[in-house]
């Protein structure tokens, strides 16, 4: 992984991860659910960042539903699924049952992020 920025706000319990700088004119914000948002390009080919709200709560549950993906066309969902299943998003989110839009929020180690493994 090239560079990244992590920011956690304890008061709001929000966790922001930025993987690359991006131009907001060419970005798309994709709401996965009320607590998880990814920032991607218009064609769903790369992810520039991911935001978690109520992060501590997400870490305490065994799964979360990504109902925001249900509105996507099948080909769009396939592209987003590919983005979620590969680094850097896969360090933070694991699709448990893709057809049911269920996932698990993970906490990578700093070593995993730096090595990209």
N, C-alpha and C. Protein backbone atom coordinates (compact mmCIF):
# COMPACT_ATOMS: atom_id res chain seq x y z
N UNK A 1 0.86 -1.16 0.00
CA UNK A 1 0.00 0.00 0.00
C UNK A 1 0.91 1.23 0.00
N UNK A 2 0.54 2.21 -0.75
CA UNK A 2 1.33 3.43 -0.82
C UNK A 2 1.27 4.15 0.52
N UNK A 3 0.47 5.18 0.63
CA UNK A 3 0.34 5.87 1.91
C UNK A 3 -1.13 5.88 2.31
N UNK A 4 -1.36 6.18 3.57
CA UNK A 4 -2.73 6.20 4.09
C UNK A 4 -2.77 7.13 5.28
N UNK A 5 -3.96 7.53 5.63
CA UNK A 5 -4.15 8.39 6.78
C UNK A 5 -5.30 7.82 7.60
N UNK A 6 -5.10 7.71 8.91
CA UNK A 6 -6.11 7.21 9.83
C UNK A 6 -6.49 8.32 10.79
N UNK A 7 -7.78 8.48 11.04
CA UNK A 7 -8.23 9.49 11.99
C UNK A 7 -9.42 8.93 12.77
N UNK A 8 -9.27 8.91 14.09
CA UNK A 8 -10.35 8.46 14.95
C UNK A 8 -10.76 9.60 15.86
N UNK A 9 -12.06 9.88 15.91
CA UNK A 9 -12.61 10.91 16.78
C UNK A 9 -13.38 10.19 17.90
N UNK A 10 -12.81 10.19 19.08
CA UNK A 10 -13.40 9.47 20.20
C UNK A 10 -14.78 10.02 20.57
N UNK A 11 -14.92 11.33 20.55
CA UNK A 11 -16.18 11.94 20.93
C UNK A 11 -17.33 11.52 20.00
N UNK A 12 -17.06 11.50 18.71
CA UNK A 12 -18.09 11.11 17.73
C UNK A 12 -18.06 9.60 17.44
N UNK A 13 -17.04 8.92 17.91
CA UNK A 13 -16.81 7.51 17.62
C UNK A 13 -16.82 7.27 16.11
N UNK A 14 -16.09 8.15 15.40
CA UNK A 14 -15.97 8.00 13.95
C UNK A 14 -14.53 7.69 13.60
N UNK A 15 -14.36 6.87 12.61
CA UNK A 15 -13.04 6.42 12.16
C UNK A 15 -12.96 6.64 10.65
N UNK A 16 -12.02 7.45 10.22
CA UNK A 16 -11.86 7.78 8.81
C UNK A 16 -10.52 7.24 8.33
N UNK A 17 -10.53 6.56 7.21
CA UNK A 17 -9.32 6.05 6.61
C UNK A 17 -9.25 6.59 5.18
N UNK A 18 -8.17 7.28 4.87
CA UNK A 18 -7.96 7.80 3.53
C UNK A 18 -6.78 7.06 2.92
N UNK A 19 -7.01 6.45 1.75
CA UNK A 19 -5.97 5.68 1.08
C UNK A 19 -5.23 6.52 0.04
N UNK A 20 -5.87 7.53 -0.49
CA UNK A 20 -5.26 8.38 -1.50
C UNK A 20 -6.00 9.71 -1.57
N UNK A 21 -5.29 10.74 -1.99
CA UNK A 21 -5.95 12.02 -2.21
C UNK A 21 -6.83 11.90 -3.44
N UNK A 22 -7.92 12.65 -3.46
CA UNK A 22 -8.82 12.58 -4.60
C UNK A 22 -9.50 13.91 -4.83
N UNK A 23 -9.96 14.08 -6.03
CA UNK A 23 -10.70 15.28 -6.42
C UNK A 23 -12.17 15.00 -6.19
N UNK A 24 -12.80 15.77 -5.32
CA UNK A 24 -14.20 15.51 -4.99
C UNK A 24 -15.13 15.65 -6.20
N UNK A 25 -14.67 16.30 -7.27
CA UNK A 25 -15.48 16.41 -8.49
C UNK A 25 -15.60 15.07 -9.21
N UNK A 26 -14.68 14.17 -8.93
CA UNK A 26 -14.68 12.87 -9.59
C UNK A 26 -14.94 11.72 -8.62
N UNK A 27 -15.40 12.05 -7.44
CA UNK A 27 -15.62 11.04 -6.40
C UNK A 27 -17.10 10.71 -6.26
N UNK A 28 -17.33 9.52 -5.81
CA UNK A 28 -18.68 9.07 -5.50
C UNK A 28 -18.67 8.55 -4.07
N UNK A 29 -19.62 9.00 -3.29
CA UNK A 29 -19.77 8.52 -1.93
C UNK A 29 -20.83 7.44 -1.96
N UNK A 30 -20.46 6.25 -1.52
CA UNK A 30 -21.37 5.11 -1.55
C UNK A 30 -21.68 4.71 -0.11
N UNK A 31 -22.92 4.89 0.28
CA UNK A 31 -23.36 4.55 1.63
C UNK A 31 -23.66 3.05 1.69
N UNK A 32 -22.85 2.32 2.45
CA UNK A 32 -23.07 0.88 2.58
C UNK A 32 -24.17 0.59 3.59
N UNK A 33 -24.20 1.39 4.65
CA UNK A 33 -25.30 1.36 5.64
C UNK A 33 -25.21 2.65 6.44
N UNK A 34 -25.96 2.77 7.51
CA UNK A 34 -25.96 4.00 8.29
C UNK A 34 -24.62 4.30 8.94
N UNK A 35 -23.73 3.32 9.02
CA UNK A 35 -22.48 3.47 9.74
C UNK A 35 -21.22 3.35 8.89
N UNK A 36 -21.36 2.97 7.62
CA UNK A 36 -20.17 2.74 6.78
C UNK A 36 -20.37 3.40 5.42
N UNK A 37 -19.37 4.19 5.03
CA UNK A 37 -19.41 4.89 3.74
C UNK A 37 -18.05 4.67 3.07
N UNK A 38 -18.07 4.37 1.78
CA UNK A 38 -16.81 4.33 1.04
C UNK A 38 -16.80 5.46 0.03
N UNK A 39 -15.61 5.93 -0.26
CA UNK A 39 -15.40 7.01 -1.23
C UNK A 39 -14.65 6.40 -2.40
N UNK A 40 -15.27 6.43 -3.56
CA UNK A 40 -14.73 5.75 -4.72
C UNK A 40 -14.84 6.65 -5.94
N UNK A 41 -14.30 6.18 -7.04
CA UNK A 41 -14.45 6.92 -8.29
C UNK A 41 -15.80 6.59 -8.90
N UNK A 42 -16.18 7.30 -9.92
CA UNK A 42 -17.50 7.15 -10.53
C UNK A 42 -17.72 5.75 -11.13
N UNK A 43 -16.65 5.10 -11.57
CA UNK A 43 -16.79 3.78 -12.19
C UNK A 43 -16.54 2.61 -11.25
N UNK A 44 -16.41 2.89 -9.95
CA UNK A 44 -16.15 1.84 -8.95
C UNK A 44 -14.90 1.02 -9.29
N UNK A 45 -13.81 1.72 -9.64
CA UNK A 45 -12.57 1.00 -9.95
C UNK A 45 -11.52 1.13 -8.85
N UNK A 46 -11.68 2.14 -7.99
CA UNK A 46 -10.74 2.32 -6.90
C UNK A 46 -11.45 2.94 -5.70
N UNK A 47 -10.93 2.69 -4.51
CA UNK A 47 -11.48 3.28 -3.30
C UNK A 47 -10.44 4.23 -2.74
N UNK A 48 -10.88 5.46 -2.47
CA UNK A 48 -9.98 6.47 -1.91
C UNK A 48 -10.08 6.54 -0.40
N UNK A 49 -11.17 6.06 0.16
CA UNK A 49 -11.30 6.11 1.61
C UNK A 49 -12.54 5.38 2.09
N UNK A 50 -12.57 5.17 3.39
CA UNK A 50 -13.71 4.52 4.02
C UNK A 50 -13.95 5.21 5.37
N UNK A 51 -15.21 5.42 5.69
CA UNK A 51 -15.58 6.07 6.95
C UNK A 51 -16.50 5.15 7.74
N UNK A 52 -16.24 5.08 9.03
CA UNK A 52 -17.06 4.29 9.95
C UNK A 52 -17.62 5.22 11.01
N UNK A 53 -18.89 5.12 11.28
CA UNK A 53 -19.54 5.89 12.34
C UNK A 53 -20.06 4.89 13.37
N UNK A 54 -19.94 5.26 14.66
CA UNK A 54 -20.22 4.32 15.75
C UNK A 54 -19.29 3.11 15.61
N UNK A 55 -18.02 3.41 15.38
CA UNK A 55 -17.01 2.39 15.10
C UNK A 55 -16.87 1.36 16.22
N UNK A 56 -16.83 1.82 17.46
CA UNK A 56 -16.69 0.89 18.58
C UNK A 56 -17.84 -0.11 18.60
N UNK A 57 -19.04 0.34 18.30
CA UNK A 57 -20.20 -0.56 18.25
C UNK A 57 -20.08 -1.57 17.13
N UNK A 58 -19.56 -1.14 15.98
CA UNK A 58 -19.38 -2.06 14.85
C UNK A 58 -18.40 -3.17 15.19
N UNK A 59 -17.41 -2.85 16.01
CA UNK A 59 -16.41 -3.86 16.38
C UNK A 59 -16.96 -4.87 17.38
N UNK A 60 -18.07 -4.57 18.00
CA UNK A 60 -18.63 -5.46 19.02
C UNK A 60 -19.66 -6.44 18.46
N UNK A 61 -20.03 -6.29 17.21
CA UNK A 61 -21.02 -7.19 16.62
C UNK A 61 -20.35 -8.13 15.65
N UNK A 62 -20.95 -9.28 15.44
CA UNK A 62 -20.34 -10.29 14.56
C UNK A 62 -20.58 -10.03 13.09
N UNK A 63 -21.56 -9.18 12.77
CA UNK A 63 -21.80 -8.84 11.38
C UNK A 63 -22.64 -7.58 11.29
N UNK A 64 -22.58 -6.97 10.11
CA UNK A 64 -23.39 -5.80 9.83
C UNK A 64 -23.96 -5.95 8.43
N UNK A 65 -25.12 -5.40 8.20
CA UNK A 65 -25.76 -5.50 6.89
C UNK A 65 -25.38 -4.29 6.05
N UNK A 66 -25.08 -4.53 4.80
CA UNK A 66 -24.71 -3.48 3.87
C UNK A 66 -25.88 -3.20 2.92
N UNK A 67 -26.99 -2.81 3.51
CA UNK A 67 -28.22 -2.62 2.74
C UNK A 67 -28.13 -1.55 1.67
N UNK A 68 -27.21 -0.64 1.79
CA UNK A 68 -27.04 0.39 0.78
C UNK A 68 -26.63 -0.16 -0.57
N UNK A 69 -26.09 -1.37 -0.58
CA UNK A 69 -25.65 -1.98 -1.84
C UNK A 69 -26.82 -2.58 -2.63
N UNK A 70 -27.95 -2.78 -1.99
CA UNK A 70 -29.11 -3.39 -2.65
C UNK A 70 -29.62 -2.55 -3.82
N UNK A 71 -29.42 -1.25 -3.77
CA UNK A 71 -29.93 -0.36 -4.82
C UNK A 71 -29.07 -0.38 -6.08
N UNK A 72 -27.88 -0.97 -6.00
CA UNK A 72 -26.99 -0.99 -7.15
C UNK A 72 -27.45 -2.02 -8.19
N UNK A 73 -27.19 -1.70 -9.44
CA UNK A 73 -27.42 -2.66 -10.51
C UNK A 73 -26.44 -3.82 -10.32
N UNK A 74 -26.78 -5.03 -10.78
CA UNK A 74 -25.91 -6.18 -10.57
C UNK A 74 -24.46 -5.97 -11.01
N UNK A 75 -24.24 -5.32 -12.14
CA UNK A 75 -22.86 -5.11 -12.60
C UNK A 75 -22.13 -4.10 -11.71
N UNK A 76 -22.84 -3.11 -11.19
CA UNK A 76 -22.23 -2.17 -10.26
C UNK A 76 -21.89 -2.87 -8.94
N UNK A 77 -22.82 -3.68 -8.45
CA UNK A 77 -22.56 -4.42 -7.21
C UNK A 77 -21.34 -5.33 -7.37
N UNK A 78 -21.21 -5.97 -8.51
CA UNK A 78 -20.06 -6.86 -8.75
C UNK A 78 -18.76 -6.06 -8.66
N UNK A 79 -18.72 -4.85 -9.21
CA UNK A 79 -17.51 -4.02 -9.13
C UNK A 79 -17.23 -3.60 -7.69
N UNK A 80 -18.27 -3.20 -6.97
CA UNK A 80 -18.09 -2.79 -5.57
C UNK A 80 -17.66 -3.99 -4.72
N UNK A 81 -18.24 -5.14 -4.96
CA UNK A 81 -17.85 -6.35 -4.23
C UNK A 81 -16.36 -6.63 -4.44
N UNK A 82 -15.89 -6.48 -5.66
CA UNK A 82 -14.46 -6.68 -5.94
C UNK A 82 -13.62 -5.68 -5.16
N UNK A 83 -14.05 -4.44 -5.08
CA UNK A 83 -13.31 -3.43 -4.31
C UNK A 83 -13.25 -3.78 -2.83
N UNK A 84 -14.35 -4.27 -2.29
CA UNK A 84 -14.40 -4.62 -0.87
C UNK A 84 -13.53 -5.83 -0.57
N UNK A 85 -13.45 -6.75 -1.50
CA UNK A 85 -12.73 -8.01 -1.26
C UNK A 85 -11.23 -7.92 -1.46
N UNK A 86 -10.71 -6.76 -1.90
CA UNK A 86 -9.27 -6.64 -2.08
C UNK A 86 -8.75 -5.46 -1.26
N UNK A 87 -7.45 -5.48 -0.96
CA UNK A 87 -6.86 -4.36 -0.22
C UNK A 87 -7.02 -3.07 -1.02
N UNK A 88 -7.19 -1.97 -0.36
CA UNK A 88 -7.06 -1.76 1.07
C UNK A 88 -8.37 -1.95 1.86
N UNK A 89 -9.53 -2.00 1.19
CA UNK A 89 -10.79 -2.11 1.93
C UNK A 89 -10.87 -3.42 2.70
N UNK A 90 -10.33 -4.49 2.13
CA UNK A 90 -10.41 -5.80 2.79
C UNK A 90 -9.67 -5.84 4.14
N UNK A 91 -8.81 -4.86 4.40
CA UNK A 91 -8.18 -4.78 5.72
C UNK A 91 -9.18 -4.38 6.79
N UNK A 92 -10.25 -3.71 6.39
CA UNK A 92 -11.22 -3.15 7.34
C UNK A 92 -12.60 -3.80 7.28
N UNK A 93 -12.89 -4.46 6.18
CA UNK A 93 -14.23 -4.99 5.97
C UNK A 93 -14.14 -6.33 5.25
N UNK A 94 -14.87 -7.31 5.76
CA UNK A 94 -14.88 -8.65 5.15
C UNK A 94 -16.32 -9.03 4.81
N UNK A 95 -16.56 -9.35 3.55
CA UNK A 95 -17.90 -9.80 3.15
C UNK A 95 -18.09 -11.24 3.61
N UNK A 96 -19.00 -11.44 4.54
CA UNK A 96 -19.30 -12.78 5.04
C UNK A 96 -20.18 -13.54 4.06
N UNK A 97 -21.27 -12.90 3.66
CA UNK A 97 -22.24 -13.49 2.75
C UNK A 97 -22.60 -12.42 1.71
N UNK A 98 -21.83 -12.35 0.62
CA UNK A 98 -22.05 -11.29 -0.37
C UNK A 98 -23.47 -11.24 -0.92
N UNK A 99 -24.09 -12.38 -1.14
CA UNK A 99 -25.44 -12.40 -1.71
C UNK A 99 -26.48 -11.88 -0.72
N UNK A 100 -26.14 -11.88 0.56
CA UNK A 100 -27.05 -11.39 1.59
C UNK A 100 -26.63 -10.02 2.11
N UNK A 101 -25.58 -9.44 1.49
CA UNK A 101 -25.09 -8.11 1.85
C UNK A 101 -24.69 -8.03 3.33
N UNK A 102 -24.03 -9.07 3.82
CA UNK A 102 -23.60 -9.10 5.22
C UNK A 102 -22.07 -9.10 5.27
N UNK A 103 -21.55 -8.30 6.21
CA UNK A 103 -20.10 -8.14 6.33
C UNK A 103 -19.69 -8.05 7.79
N UNK A 104 -18.39 -8.09 8.00
CA UNK A 104 -17.77 -8.04 9.31
C UNK A 104 -16.74 -6.92 9.29
N UNK A 105 -16.76 -6.05 10.28
CA UNK A 105 -15.78 -4.95 10.39
C UNK A 105 -14.55 -5.48 11.11
N UNK A 106 -13.38 -5.24 10.53
CA UNK A 106 -12.12 -5.75 11.07
C UNK A 106 -11.22 -4.60 11.52
N UNK A 107 -10.22 -4.94 12.30
CA UNK A 107 -9.21 -3.97 12.73
C UNK A 107 -7.84 -4.49 12.32
N UNK A 108 -7.28 -3.95 11.27
CA UNK A 108 -5.96 -4.43 10.84
C UNK A 108 -4.87 -3.90 11.76
N UNK A 109 -3.74 -4.58 11.73
CA UNK A 109 -2.58 -4.06 12.46
C UNK A 109 -1.88 -3.05 11.56
N UNK A 110 -1.08 -2.22 12.17
CA UNK A 110 -0.32 -1.24 11.40
C UNK A 110 0.63 -1.95 10.45
N UNK A 111 1.20 -3.05 10.88
CA UNK A 111 2.09 -3.83 10.04
C UNK A 111 1.37 -4.34 8.79
N UNK A 112 0.14 -4.82 8.93
CA UNK A 112 -0.62 -5.28 7.77
C UNK A 112 -0.84 -4.13 6.78
N UNK A 113 -1.16 -2.96 7.30
CA UNK A 113 -1.40 -1.82 6.42
C UNK A 113 -0.14 -1.39 5.68
N UNK A 114 0.98 -1.36 6.40
CA UNK A 114 2.23 -0.93 5.78
C UNK A 114 2.71 -1.93 4.75
N UNK A 115 2.63 -3.20 5.07
CA UNK A 115 3.09 -4.25 4.15
C UNK A 115 2.07 -4.52 3.04
N UNK A 116 0.83 -4.14 3.26
CA UNK A 116 -0.20 -4.39 2.26
C UNK A 116 -0.62 -5.84 2.17
N UNK A 117 -0.44 -6.58 3.26
CA UNK A 117 -0.75 -8.02 3.27
C UNK A 117 -2.01 -8.28 4.07
